[in-house]
Amino acid sequence: MAMLMFSKCLRKTDIEKRLSFPTMALRYLPCFKEGQHKVEFKVRDEEGRVWTFHCSTRRVGKYMKPVLSEGWCRFVCLRNLKIGDKVEFYKEEEKYHVRVKRPVVVFGAVMGDAPIS
């Protein structure tokens, strides 16, 4: 059964630079090697396409502040993501999955969201 790692409604920085996400989601990712602040992992989207992301954390400071940087901007561009879209990251056994949803707006009101293909 797939476990939701985190979900996020995308903001401007998430679209233009990197995706920040809650520190608690780090426990689901592959382990960082000792002294390292970056780890690579592969994620499969709803269409079956595999993406490679790099998660990095701050080298110093009280808070780790994890972000997806390398690979993320390519994903945003090729999936045509926009501010307000929602991403959901899941882990199932040792495999990672991502789903993308776009808000459904009817007469100016958000009625839910729908998968983006």
PDB file of N, CA and C in Angstrom:
ATOM      1  N   MET A   1       0.846  -1.185   0.000  1.00  0.00           N
ATOM      2  CA  MET A   1       0.000   0.000   0.000  1.00  0.00           C
ATOM      3  C   MET A   1       0.890   1.247   0.000  1.00  0.00           C
ATOM      4  N   ALA A   2       0.548   2.197  -0.830  1.00  0.00           N
ATOM      5  CA  ALA A   2       1.342   3.427  -0.956  1.00  0.00           C
ATOM      6  C   ALA A   2       1.121   4.336   0.251  1.00  0.00           C
ATOM      7  N   MET A   3       2.217   4.906   0.742  1.00  0.00           N
ATOM      8  CA  MET A   3       2.186   5.822   1.881  1.00  0.00           C
ATOM      9  C   MET A   3       2.423   7.239   1.366  1.00  0.00           C
ATOM     10  N   LEU A   4       1.523   8.157   1.724  1.00  0.00           N
ATOM     11  CA  LEU A   4       1.705   9.554   1.335  1.00  0.00           C
ATOM     12  C   LEU A   4       2.880  10.133   2.112  1.00  0.00           C
ATOM     13  N   MET A   5       3.904  10.594   1.391  1.00  0.00           N
ATOM     14  CA  MET A   5       5.066  11.231   2.017  1.00  0.00           C
ATOM     15  C   MET A   5       4.740  12.681   2.350  1.00  0.00           C
ATOM     16  N   PHE A   6       4.212  13.389   1.333  1.00  0.00           N
ATOM     17  CA  PHE A   6       3.778  14.771   1.520  1.00  0.00           C
ATOM     18  C   PHE A   6       3.013  15.210   0.284  1.00  0.00           C
ATOM     19  N   SER A   7       2.227  16.264   0.447  1.00  0.00           N
ATOM     20  CA  SER A   7       1.559  16.904  -0.688  1.00  0.00           C
ATOM     21  C   SER A   7       1.769  18.406  -0.531  1.00  0.00           C
ATOM     22  N   LYS A   8       1.731  19.096  -1.652  1.00  0.00           N
ATOM     23  CA  LYS A   8       1.954  20.539  -1.597  1.00  0.00           C
ATOM     24  C   LYS A   8       1.263  21.224  -2.762  1.00  0.00           C
ATOM     25  N   CYS A   9       0.635  22.344  -2.456  1.00  0.00           N
ATOM     26  CA  CYS A   9       0.088  23.228  -3.477  1.00  0.00           C
ATOM     27  C   CYS A   9       1.246  24.123  -3.919  1.00  0.00           C
ATOM     28  N   LEU A  10       1.552  24.110  -5.200  1.00  0.00           N
ATOM     29  CA  LEU A  10       2.750  24.782  -5.701  1.00  0.00           C
ATOM     30  C   LEU A  10       2.633  26.298  -5.681  1.00  0.00           C
ATOM     31  N   ARG A  11       3.733  26.917  -5.261  1.00  0.00           N
ATOM     32  CA  ARG A  11       3.832  28.371  -5.242  1.00  0.00           C
ATOM     33  C   ARG A  11       4.879  28.803  -6.270  1.00  0.00           C
ATOM     34  N   LYS A  12       5.060  30.103  -6.385  1.00  0.00           N
ATOM     35  CA  LYS A  12       5.953  30.648  -7.411  1.00  0.00           C
ATOM     36  C   LYS A  12       7.367  30.068  -7.320  1.00  0.00           C
ATOM     37  N   THR A  13       7.949  30.034  -6.144  1.00  0.00           N
ATOM     38  CA  THR A  13       9.308  29.502  -5.985  1.00  0.00           C
ATOM     39  C   THR A  13       9.370  28.030  -6.369  1.00  0.00           C
ATOM     40  N   ASP A  14       8.316  27.269  -6.043  1.00  0.00           N
ATOM     41  CA  ASP A  14       8.274  25.843  -6.397  1.00  0.00           C
ATOM     42  C   ASP A  14       8.299  25.653  -7.906  1.00  0.00           C
ATOM     43  N   ILE A  15       7.680  26.556  -8.631  1.00  0.00           N
ATOM     44  CA  ILE A  15       7.609  26.470 -10.090  1.00  0.00           C
ATOM     45  C   ILE A  15       8.903  26.956 -10.732  1.00  0.00           C
ATOM     46  N   GLU A  16       9.470  28.011 -10.200  1.00  0.00           N
ATOM     47  CA  GLU A  16      10.617  28.651 -10.856  1.00  0.00           C
ATOM     48  C   GLU A  16      11.985  28.139 -10.417  1.00  0.00           C
ATOM     49  N   LYS A  17      12.094  27.593  -9.200  1.00  0.00           N
ATOM     50  CA  LYS A  17      13.430  27.263  -8.690  1.00  0.00           C
ATOM     51  C   LYS A  17      13.559  25.861  -8.122  1.00  0.00           C
ATOM     52  N   ARG A  18      12.816  25.554  -7.084  1.00  0.00           N
ATOM     53  CA  ARG A  18      12.972  24.291  -6.369  1.00  0.00           C
ATOM     54  C   ARG A  18      11.698  24.028  -5.569  1.00  0.00           C
ATOM     55  N   LEU A  19      11.527  22.782  -5.198  1.00  0.00           N
ATOM     56  CA  LEU A  19      10.372  22.406  -4.386  1.00  0.00           C
ATOM     57  C   LEU A  19      10.828  22.169  -2.952  1.00  0.00           C
ATOM     58  N   SER A  20      10.378  23.014  -2.056  1.00  0.00           N
ATOM     59  CA  SER A  20      10.658  22.770  -0.636  1.00  0.00           C
ATOM     60  C   SER A  20       9.529  21.903  -0.086  1.00  0.00           C
ATOM     61  N   PHE A  21       9.869  21.089   0.902  1.00  0.00           N
ATOM     62  CA  PHE A  21       8.856  20.206   1.479  1.00  0.00           C
ATOM     63  C   PHE A  21       9.161  19.980   2.959  1.00  0.00           C
ATOM     64  N   PRO A  22       8.192  19.443   3.711  1.00  0.00           N
ATOM     65  CA  PRO A  22       8.369  19.286   5.156  1.00  0.00           C
ATOM     66  C   PRO A  22       9.533  18.354   5.516  1.00  0.00           C
ATOM     67  N   THR A  23      10.270  18.736   6.534  1.00  0.00           N
ATOM     68  CA  THR A  23      11.408  17.945   7.003  1.00  0.00           C
ATOM     69  C   THR A  23      10.996  16.527   7.380  1.00  0.00           C
ATOM     70  N   MET A  24       9.801  16.363   7.923  1.00  0.00           N
ATOM     71  CA  MET A  24       9.371  15.028   8.345  1.00  0.00           C
ATOM     72  C   MET A  24       9.323  14.035   7.182  1.00  0.00           C
ATOM     73  N   ALA A  25       9.197  14.506   5.959  1.00  0.00           N
ATOM     74  CA  ALA A  25       9.146  13.610   4.799  1.00  0.00           C
ATOM     75  C   ALA A  25      10.511  13.001   4.483  1.00  0.00           C
ATOM     76  N   LEU A  26      11.577  13.543   5.044  1.00  0.00           N
ATOM     77  CA  LEU A  26      12.921  13.001   4.802  1.00  0.00           C
ATOM     78  C   LEU A  26      13.035  11.544   5.231  1.00  0.00           C
ATOM     79  N   ARG A  27      12.267  11.141   6.227  1.00  0.00           N
ATOM     80  CA  ARG A  27      12.371   9.762   6.726  1.00  0.00           C
ATOM     81  C   ARG A  27      11.969   8.726   5.683  1.00  0.00           C
ATOM     82  N   TYR A  28      11.235   9.146   4.653  1.00  0.00           N
ATOM     83  CA  TYR A  28      10.805   8.220   3.611  1.00  0.00           C
ATOM     84  C   TYR A  28      11.820   8.084   2.478  1.00  0.00           C
ATOM     85  N   LEU A  29      12.748   9.019   2.390  1.00  0.00           N
ATOM     86  CA  LEU A  29      13.725   9.028   1.292  1.00  0.00           C
ATOM     87  C   LEU A  29      14.884   8.089   1.582  1.00  0.00           C
ATOM     88  N   PRO A  30      15.664   7.750   0.542  1.00  0.00           N
ATOM     89  CA  PRO A  30      16.871   6.954   0.792  1.00  0.00           C
ATOM     90  C   PRO A  30      17.766   7.691   1.788  1.00  0.00           C
ATOM     91  N   CYS A  31      18.541   6.939   2.534  1.00  0.00           N
ATOM     92  CA  CYS A  31      19.422   7.539   3.544  1.00  0.00           C
ATOM     93  C   CYS A  31      20.516   8.376   2.896  1.00  0.00           C
ATOM     94  N   PHE A  32      20.806   9.484   3.522  1.00  0.00           N
ATOM     95  CA  PHE A  32      21.941  10.308   3.118  1.00  0.00           C
ATOM     96  C   PHE A  32      23.206   9.609   3.613  1.00  0.00           C
ATOM     97  N   LYS A  33      24.235   9.589   2.796  1.00  0.00           N
ATOM     98  CA  LYS A  33      25.514   9.036   3.247  1.00  0.00           C
ATOM     99  C   LYS A  33      26.087   9.971   4.298  1.00  0.00           C
ATOM    100  N   GLU A  34      26.870   9.414   5.199  1.00  0.00           N
ATOM    101  CA  GLU A  34      27.425  10.206   6.292  1.00  0.00           C
ATOM    102  C   GLU A  34      28.180  11.424   5.769  1.00  0.00           C
ATOM    103  N   GLY A  35      27.821  12.587   6.290  1.00  0.00           N
ATOM    104  CA  GLY A  35      28.469  13.830   5.891  1.00  0.00           C
ATOM    105  C   GLY A  35      27.916  14.439   4.611  1.00  0.00           C
ATOM    106  N   GLN A  36      27.001  13.750   3.953  1.00  0.00           N
ATOM    107  CA  GLN A  36      26.429  14.245   2.698  1.00  0.00           C
ATOM    108  C   GLN A  36      25.121  14.996   2.970  1.00  0.00           C
ATOM    109  N   HIS A  37      24.807  15.913   2.074  1.00  0.00           N
ATOM    110  CA  HIS A  37      23.587  16.712   2.207  1.00  0.00           C
ATOM    111  C   HIS A  37      22.737  16.621   0.947  1.00  0.00           C
ATOM    112  N   LYS A  38      22.979  15.574   0.151  1.00  0.00           N
ATOM    113  CA  LYS A  38      22.220  15.396  -1.087  1.00  0.00           C
ATOM    114  C   LYS A  38      22.039  13.903  -1.337  1.00  0.00           C
ATOM    115  N   VAL A  39      20.846  13.546  -1.818  1.00  0.00           N
ATOM    116  CA  VAL A  39      20.576  12.159  -2.176  1.00  0.00           C
ATOM    117  C   VAL A  39      19.737  12.147  -3.449  1.00  0.00           C
ATOM    118  N   GLU A  40      20.008  11.182  -4.316  1.00  0.00           N
ATOM    119  CA  GLU A  40      19.275  11.039  -5.580  1.00  0.00           C
ATOM    120  C   GLU A  40      18.256   9.913  -5.423  1.00  0.00           C
ATOM    121  N   PHE A  41      17.072  10.118  -6.010  1.00  0.00           N
ATOM    122  CA  PHE A  41      16.077   9.046  -6.024  1.00  0.00           C
ATOM    123  C   PHE A  41      15.211   9.179  -7.268  1.00  0.00           C
ATOM    124  N   LYS A  42      14.637   8.066  -7.687  1.00  0.00           N
ATOM    125  CA  LYS A  42      13.815   8.023  -8.892  1.00  0.00           C
ATOM    126  C   LYS A  42      12.348   7.941  -8.502  1.00  0.00           C
ATOM    127  N   VAL A  43      11.528   8.652  -9.278  1.00  0.00           N
ATOM    128  CA  VAL A  43      10.097   8.750  -9.005  1.00  0.00           C
ATOM    129  C   VAL A  43       9.336   8.462 -10.292  1.00  0.00           C
ATOM    130  N   ARG A  44       8.289   7.657 -10.195  1.00  0.00           N
ATOM    131  CA  ARG A  44       7.446   7.341 -11.353  1.00  0.00           C
ATOM    132  C   ARG A  44       6.166   8.164 -11.268  1.00  0.00           C
ATOM    133  N   ASP A  45       5.798   8.813 -12.402  1.00  0.00           N
ATOM    134  CA  ASP A  45       4.551   9.594 -12.418  1.00  0.00           C
ATOM    135  C   ASP A  45       3.381   8.720 -12.862  1.00  0.00           C
ATOM    136  N   GLU A  46       2.201   9.318 -12.960  1.00  0.00           N
ATOM    137  CA  GLU A  46       0.981   8.577 -13.307  1.00  0.00           C
ATOM    138  C   GLU A  46       1.043   7.966 -14.697  1.00  0.00           C
ATOM    139  N   GLU A  47       1.841   8.543 -15.565  1.00  0.00           N
ATOM    140  CA  GLU A  47       1.961   8.045 -16.938  1.00  0.00           C
ATOM    141  C   GLU A  47       3.030   6.963 -17.063  1.00  0.00           C
ATOM    142  N   GLY A  48       3.702   6.654 -15.970  1.00  0.00           N
ATOM    143  CA  GLY A  48       4.733   5.627 -15.983  1.00  0.00           C
ATOM    144  C   GLY A  48       6.126   6.148 -16.296  1.00  0.00           C
ATOM    145  N   ARG A  49       6.253   7.439 -16.496  1.00  0.00           N
ATOM    146  CA  ARG A  49       7.563   8.026 -16.790  1.00  0.00           C
ATOM    147  C   ARG A  49       8.374   8.148 -15.499  1.00  0.00           C
ATOM    148  N   VAL A  50       9.658   7.822 -15.598  1.00  0.00           N
ATOM    149  CA  VAL A  50      10.534   7.877 -14.429  1.00  0.00           C
ATOM    150  C   VAL A  50      11.350   9.164 -14.457  1.00  0.00           C
ATOM    151  N   TRP A  51      11.376   9.851 -13.330  1.00  0.00           N
ATOM    152  CA  TRP A  51      12.093  11.110 -13.162  1.00  0.00           C
ATOM    153  C   TRP A  51      13.151  10.929 -12.086  1.00  0.00           C
ATOM    154  N   THR A  52      14.289  11.571 -12.261  1.00  0.00           N
ATOM    155  CA  THR A  52      15.344  11.533 -11.250  1.00  0.00           C
ATOM    156  C   THR A  52      15.407  12.889 -10.560  1.00  0.00           C
ATOM    157  N   PHE A  53      15.227  12.865  -9.243  1.00  0.00           N
ATOM    158  CA  PHE A  53      15.288  14.079  -8.440  1.00  0.00           C
ATOM    159  C   PHE A  53      16.448  13.985  -7.463  1.00  0.00           C
ATOM    160  N   HIS A  54      16.983  15.138  -7.112  1.00  0.00           N
ATOM    161  CA  HIS A  54      17.991  15.233  -6.067  1.00  0.00           C
ATOM    162  C   HIS A  54      17.376  16.010  -4.918  1.00  0.00           C
ATOM    163  N   CYS A  55      17.394  15.413  -3.755  1.00  0.00           N
ATOM    164  CA  CYS A  55      16.955  16.096  -2.544  1.00  0.00           C
ATOM    165  C   CYS A  55      18.201  16.592  -1.829  1.00  0.00           C
ATOM    166  N   SER A  56      18.192  17.849  -1.450  1.00  0.00           N
ATOM    167  CA  SER A  56      19.324  18.382  -0.690  1.00  0.00           C
ATOM    168  C   SER A  56      18.804  19.104   0.547  1.00  0.00           C
ATOM    169  N   THR A  57      19.683  19.203   1.531  1.00  0.00           N
ATOM    170  CA  THR A  57      19.348  19.897   2.770  1.00  0.00           C
ATOM    171  C   THR A  57      20.430  20.930   3.058  1.00  0.00           C
ATOM    172  N   ARG A  58      20.148  21.813   3.979  1.00  0.00           N
ATOM    173  CA  ARG A  58      21.145  22.806   4.384  1.00  0.00           C
ATOM    174  C   ARG A  58      22.351  22.103   5.004  1.00  0.00           C
ATOM    175  N   ARG A  59      23.508  22.672   4.769  1.00  0.00           N
ATOM    176  CA  ARG A  59      24.735  22.120   5.360  1.00  0.00           C
ATOM    177  C   ARG A  59      24.887  22.528   6.818  1.00  0.00           C
ATOM    178  N   VAL A  60      24.390  23.709   7.148  1.00  0.00           N
ATOM    179  CA  VAL A  60      24.494  24.212   8.523  1.00  0.00           C
ATOM    180  C   VAL A  60      23.156  24.807   8.928  1.00  0.00           C
ATOM    181  N   GLY A  61      22.991  24.978  10.207  1.00  0.00           N
ATOM    182  CA  GLY A  61      21.770  25.610  10.700  1.00  0.00           C
ATOM    183  C   GLY A  61      20.912  24.635  11.476  1.00  0.00           C
ATOM    184  N   LYS A  62      19.961  25.192  12.167  1.00  0.00           N
ATOM    185  CA  LYS A  62      19.087  24.411  13.038  1.00  0.00           C
ATOM    186  C   LYS A  62      18.086  23.562  12.247  1.00  0.00           C
ATOM    187  N   TYR A  63      17.624  24.076  11.128  1.00  0.00           N
ATOM    188  CA  TYR A  63      16.605  23.386  10.347  1.00  0.00           C
ATOM    189  C   TYR A  63      17.201  22.843   9.055  1.00  0.00           C
ATOM    190  N   MET A  64      16.830  21.629   8.687  1.00  0.00           N
ATOM    191  CA  MET A  64      17.394  20.990   7.495  1.00  0.00           C
ATOM    192  C   MET A  64      16.866  21.607   6.202  1.00  0.00           C
ATOM    193  N   LYS A  65      15.587  22.011   6.200  1.00  0.00           N
ATOM    194  CA  LYS A  65      14.942  22.633   5.049  1.00  0.00           C
ATOM    195  C   LYS A  65      15.203  21.867   3.744  1.00  0.00           C
ATOM    196  N   PRO A  66      14.611  20.678   3.593  1.00  0.00           N
ATOM    197  CA  PRO A  66      14.840  19.882   2.385  1.00  0.00           C
ATOM    198  C   PRO A  66      14.186  20.492   1.145  1.00  0.00           C
ATOM    199  N   VAL A  67      14.861  20.331   0.015  1.00  0.00           N
ATOM    200  CA  VAL A  67      14.337  20.803  -1.270  1.00  0.00           C
ATOM    201  C   VAL A  67      14.674  19.797  -2.366  1.00  0.00           C
ATOM    202  N   LEU A  68      13.822  19.764  -3.380  1.00  0.00           N
ATOM    203  CA  LEU A  68      14.140  19.055  -4.617  1.00  0.00           C
ATOM    204  C   LEU A  68      14.645  20.110  -5.576  1.00  0.00           C
ATOM    205  N   SER A  69      15.838  19.904  -6.088  1.00  0.00           N
ATOM    206  CA  SER A  69      16.421  20.894  -6.997  1.00  0.00           C
ATOM    207  C   SER A  69      16.703  20.240  -8.342  1.00  0.00           C
ATOM    208  N   GLU A  70      17.791  19.515  -8.449  1.00  0.00           N
ATOM    209  CA  GLU A  70      18.140  18.893  -9.729  1.00  0.00           C
ATOM    210  C   GLU A  70      17.025  17.949 -10.167  1.00  0.00           C
ATOM    211  N   GLY A  71      16.607  18.097 -11.403  1.00  0.00           N
ATOM    212  CA  GLY A  71      15.539  17.272 -11.953  1.00  0.00           C
ATOM    213  C   GLY A  71      14.159  17.876 -11.773  1.00  0.00           C
ATOM    214  N   TRP A  72      13.983  18.682 -10.737  1.00  0.00           N
ATOM    215  CA  TRP A  72      12.669  19.248 -10.449  1.00  0.00           C
ATOM    216  C   TRP A  72      12.214  20.230 -11.524  1.00  0.00           C
ATOM    217  N   CYS A  73      13.072  21.166 -11.925  1.00  0.00           N
ATOM    218  CA  CYS A  73      12.675  22.181 -12.914  1.00  0.00           C
ATOM    219  C   CYS A  73      12.322  21.541 -14.254  1.00  0.00           C
ATOM    220  N   ARG A  74      13.019  20.495 -14.610  1.00  0.00           N
ATOM    221  CA  ARG A  74      12.702  19.762 -15.848  1.00  0.00           C
ATOM    222  C   ARG A  74      11.305  19.142 -15.742  1.00  0.00           C
ATOM    223  N   PHE A  75      11.001  18.548 -14.605  1.00  0.00           N
ATOM    224  CA  PHE A  75       9.687  17.965 -14.350  1.00  0.00           C
ATOM    225  C   PHE A  75       8.602  19.031 -14.470  1.00  0.00           C
ATOM    226  N   VAL A  76       8.823  20.185 -13.850  1.00  0.00           N
ATOM    227  CA  VAL A  76       7.865  21.297 -13.895  1.00  0.00           C
ATOM    228  C   VAL A  76       7.615  21.724 -15.337  1.00  0.00           C
ATOM    229  N   CYS A  77       8.690  21.883 -16.095  1.00  0.00           N
ATOM    230  CA  CYS A  77       8.591  22.352 -17.480  1.00  0.00           C
ATOM    231  C   CYS A  77       7.876  21.334 -18.367  1.00  0.00           C
ATOM    232  N   LEU A  78       8.312  20.084 -18.315  1.00  0.00           N
ATOM    233  CA  LEU A  78       7.743  19.067 -19.201  1.00  0.00           C
ATOM    234  C   LEU A  78       6.324  18.670 -18.817  1.00  0.00           C
ATOM    235  N   ARG A  79       5.961  18.832 -17.553  1.00  0.00           N
ATOM    236  CA  ARG A  79       4.593  18.538 -17.124  1.00  0.00           C
ATOM    237  C   ARG A  79       3.711  19.786 -17.161  1.00  0.00           C
ATOM    238  N   ASN A  80       4.321  20.934 -17.546  1.00  0.00           N
ATOM    239  CA  ASN A  80       3.588  22.199 -17.668  1.00  0.00           C
ATOM    240  C   ASN A  80       2.866  22.574 -16.367  1.00  0.00           C
ATOM    241  N   LEU A  81       3.586  22.461 -15.261  1.00  0.00           N
ATOM    242  CA  LEU A  81       2.980  22.775 -13.968  1.00  0.00           C
ATOM    243  C   LEU A  81       2.831  24.276 -13.785  1.00  0.00           C
ATOM    244  N   LYS A  82       1.822  24.633 -13.005  1.00  0.00           N
ATOM    245  CA  LYS A  82       1.493  26.031 -12.774  1.00  0.00           C
ATOM    246  C   LYS A  82       1.309  26.279 -11.278  1.00  0.00           C
ATOM    247  N   ILE A  83       1.393  27.547 -10.897  1.00  0.00           N
ATOM    248  CA  ILE A  83       1.107  27.929  -9.517  1.00  0.00           C
ATOM    249  C   ILE A  83      -0.315  27.465  -9.193  1.00  0.00           C
ATOM    250  N   GLY A  84      -0.482  26.841  -8.038  1.00  0.00           N
ATOM    251  CA  GLY A  84      -1.791  26.339  -7.628  1.00  0.00           C
ATOM    252  C   GLY A  84      -1.979  24.858  -7.874  1.00  0.00           C
ATOM    253  N   ASP A  85      -1.167  24.265  -8.765  1.00  0.00           N
ATOM    254  CA  ASP A  85      -1.234  22.818  -8.961  1.00  0.00           C
ATOM    255  C   ASP A  85      -0.781  22.137  -7.674  1.00  0.00           C
ATOM    256  N   LYS A  86      -1.205  20.908  -7.495  1.00  0.00           N
ATOM    257  CA  LYS A  86      -0.864  20.163  -6.287  1.00  0.00           C
ATOM    258  C   LYS A  86      -0.036  18.943  -6.664  1.00  0.00           C
ATOM    259  N   VAL A  87       1.057  18.714  -5.936  1.00  0.00           N
ATOM    260  CA  VAL A  87       1.852  17.498  -6.125  1.00  0.00           C
ATOM    261  C   VAL A  87       1.705  16.634  -4.880  1.00  0.00           C
ATOM    262  N   GLU A  88       1.654  15.327  -5.104  1.00  0.00           N
ATOM    263  CA  GLU A  88       1.587  14.358  -4.018  1.00  0.00           C
ATOM    264  C   GLU A  88       2.682  13.332  -4.249  1.00  0.00           C
ATOM    265  N   PHE A  89       3.540  13.150  -3.269  1.00  0.00           N
ATOM    266  CA  PHE A  89       4.615  12.166  -3.354  1.00  0.00           C
ATOM    267  C   PHE A  89       4.274  10.984  -2.452  1.00  0.00           C
ATOM    268  N   TYR A  90       4.425   9.783  -3.008  1.00  0.00           N
ATOM    269  CA  TYR A  90       4.113   8.549  -2.298  1.00  0.00           C
ATOM    270  C   TYR A  90       5.311   7.614  -2.304  1.00  0.00           C
ATOM    271  N   LYS A  91       5.353   6.746  -1.303  1.00  0.00           N
ATOM    272  CA  LYS A  91       6.344   5.673  -1.275  1.00  0.00           C
ATOM    273  C   LYS A  91       5.593   4.363  -1.123  1.00  0.00           C
ATOM    274  N   GLU A  92       5.922   3.411  -1.977  1.00  0.00           N
ATOM    275  CA  GLU A  92       5.334   2.081  -1.898  1.00  0.00           C
ATOM    276  C   GLU A  92       6.481   1.090  -1.913  1.00  0.00           C
ATOM    277  N   GLU A  93       6.682   0.420  -0.793  1.00  0.00           N
ATOM    278  CA  GLU A  93       7.857  -0.415  -0.579  1.00  0.00           C
ATOM    279  C   GLU A  93       9.084   0.461  -0.795  1.00  0.00           C
ATOM    280  N   GLU A  94       9.943   0.159  -1.742  1.00  0.00           N
ATOM    281  CA  GLU A  94      11.126   0.998  -1.977  1.00  0.00           C
ATOM    282  C   GLU A  94      11.004   1.798  -3.272  1.00  0.00           C
ATOM    283  N   LYS A  95       9.777   2.022  -3.734  1.00  0.00           N
ATOM    284  CA  LYS A  95       9.537   2.780  -4.964  1.00  0.00           C
ATOM    285  C   LYS A  95       8.798   4.063  -4.628  1.00  0.00           C
ATOM    286  N   TYR A  96       9.097   5.091  -5.427  1.00  0.00           N
ATOM    287  CA  TYR A  96       8.502   6.408  -5.210  1.00  0.00           C
ATOM    288  C   TYR A  96       7.599   6.775  -6.379  1.00  0.00           C
ATOM    289  N   HIS A  97       6.512   7.476  -6.057  1.00  0.00           N
ATOM    290  CA  HIS A  97       5.532   7.885  -7.065  1.00  0.00           C
ATOM    291  C   HIS A  97       5.161   9.350  -6.837  1.00  0.00           C
ATOM    292  N   VAL A  98       4.797  10.027  -7.929  1.00  0.00           N
ATOM    293  CA  VAL A  98       4.319  11.403  -7.825  1.00  0.00           C
ATOM    294  C   VAL A  98       3.039  11.532  -8.642  1.00  0.00           C
ATOM    295  N   ARG A  99       2.079  12.240  -8.078  1.00  0.00           N
ATOM    296  CA  ARG A  99       0.835  12.559  -8.777  1.00  0.00           C
ATOM    297  C   ARG A  99       0.717  14.072  -8.818  1.00  0.00           C
ATOM    298  N   VAL A 100       0.202  14.563  -9.923  1.00  0.00           N
ATOM    299  CA  VAL A 100       0.011  16.004 -10.079  1.00  0.00           C
ATOM    300  C   VAL A 100      -1.462  16.260 -10.340  1.00  0.00           C
ATOM    301  N   LYS A 101      -2.012  17.249  -9.648  1.00  0.00           N
ATOM    302  CA  LYS A 101      -3.422  17.596  -9.824  1.00  0.00           C
ATOM    303  C   LYS A 101      -3.541  19.093 -10.039  1.00  0.00           C
ATOM    304  N   ARG A 102      -4.522  19.473 -10.833  1.00  0.00           N
ATOM    305  CA  ARG A 102      -4.785  20.884 -11.104  1.00  0.00           C
ATOM    306  C   ARG A 102      -6.167  21.223 -10.542  1.00  0.00           C
ATOM    307  N   PRO A 103      -6.302  22.402  -9.918  1.00  0.00           N
ATOM    308  CA  PRO A 103      -7.606  22.791  -9.385  1.00  0.00           C
ATOM    309  C   PRO A 103      -8.657  22.911 -10.496  1.00  0.00           C
ATOM    310  N   VAL A 104      -9.863  22.455 -10.193  1.00  0.00           N
ATOM    311  CA  VAL A 104     -10.990  22.611 -11.111  1.00  0.00           C
ATOM    312  C   VAL A 104     -11.776  23.827 -10.627  1.00  0.00           C
ATOM    313  N   VAL A 105     -11.816  24.860 -11.460  1.00  0.00           N
ATOM    314  CA  VAL A 105     -12.477  26.109 -11.080  1.00  0.00           C
ATOM    315  C   VAL A 105     -13.742  26.280 -11.917  1.00  0.00           C
ATOM    316  N   VAL A 106     -14.867  26.470 -11.228  1.00  0.00           N
ATOM    317  CA  VAL A 106     -16.149  26.682 -11.892  1.00  0.00           C
ATOM    318  C   VAL A 106     -16.716  28.001 -11.386  1.00  0.00           C
ATOM    319  N   PHE A 107     -16.923  28.941 -12.299  1.00  0.00           N
ATOM    320  CA  PHE A 107     -17.435  30.267 -11.954  1.00  0.00           C
ATOM    321  C   PHE A 107     -16.618  30.907 -10.830  1.00  0.00           C
ATOM    322  N   GLY A 108     -15.307  30.738 -10.893  1.00  0.00           N
ATOM    323  CA  GLY A 108     -14.409  31.367  -9.934  1.00  0.00           C
ATOM    324  C   GLY A 108     -14.227  30.626  -8.624  1.00  0.00           C
ATOM    325  N   ALA A 109     -14.941  29.520  -8.441  1.00  0.00           N
ATOM    326  CA  ALA A 109     -14.823  28.751  -7.202  1.00  0.00           C
ATOM    327  C   ALA A 109     -14.092  27.438  -7.469  1.00  0.00           C
ATOM    328  N   VAL A 110     -13.173  27.085  -6.586  1.00  0.00           N
ATOM    329  CA  VAL A 110     -12.453  25.816  -6.719  1.00  0.00           C
ATOM    330  C   VAL A 110     -13.378  24.700  -6.256  1.00  0.00           C
ATOM    331  N   MET A 111     -13.651  23.759  -7.165  1.00  0.00           N
ATOM    332  CA  MET A 111     -14.583  22.672  -6.889  1.00  0.00           C
ATOM    333  C   MET A 111     -13.874  21.357  -6.562  1.00  0.00           C
ATOM    334  N   GLY A 112     -12.575  21.343  -6.591  1.00  0.00           N
ATOM    335  CA  GLY A 112     -11.799  20.126  -6.362  1.00  0.00           C
ATOM    336  C   GLY A 112     -10.571  20.183  -7.237  1.00  0.00           C
ATOM    337  N   ASP A 113     -10.013  19.016  -7.544  1.00  0.00           N
ATOM    338  CA  ASP A 113      -8.871  18.990  -8.444  1.00  0.00           C
ATOM    339  C   ASP A 113      -8.946  17.753  -9.321  1.00  0.00           C
ATOM    340  N   ALA A 114      -8.204  17.815 -10.427  1.00  0.00           N
ATOM    341  CA  ALA A 114      -8.217  16.730 -11.402  1.00  0.00           C
ATOM    342  C   ALA A 114      -6.787  16.409 -11.801  1.00  0.00           C
ATOM    343  N   PRO A 115      -6.519  15.143 -12.120  1.00  0.00           N
ATOM    344  CA  PRO A 115      -5.170  14.769 -12.565  1.00  0.00           C
ATOM    345  C   PRO A 115      -4.771  15.522 -13.829  1.00  0.00           C
ATOM    346  N   ILE A 116      -3.483  15.808 -13.952  1.00  0.00           N
ATOM    347  CA  ILE A 116      -2.935  16.444 -15.152  1.00  0.00           C
ATOM    348  C   ILE A 116      -2.257  15.364 -15.967  1.00  0.00           C
ATOM    349  N   SER A 117      -2.543  15.326 -17.248  1.00  0.00           N
ATOM    350  CA  SER A 117      -1.844  14.342 -18.094  1.00  0.00           C
ATOM    351  C   SER A 117      -0.980  15.040 -19.099  1.00  0.00           C
TER     352      SER A 117
END
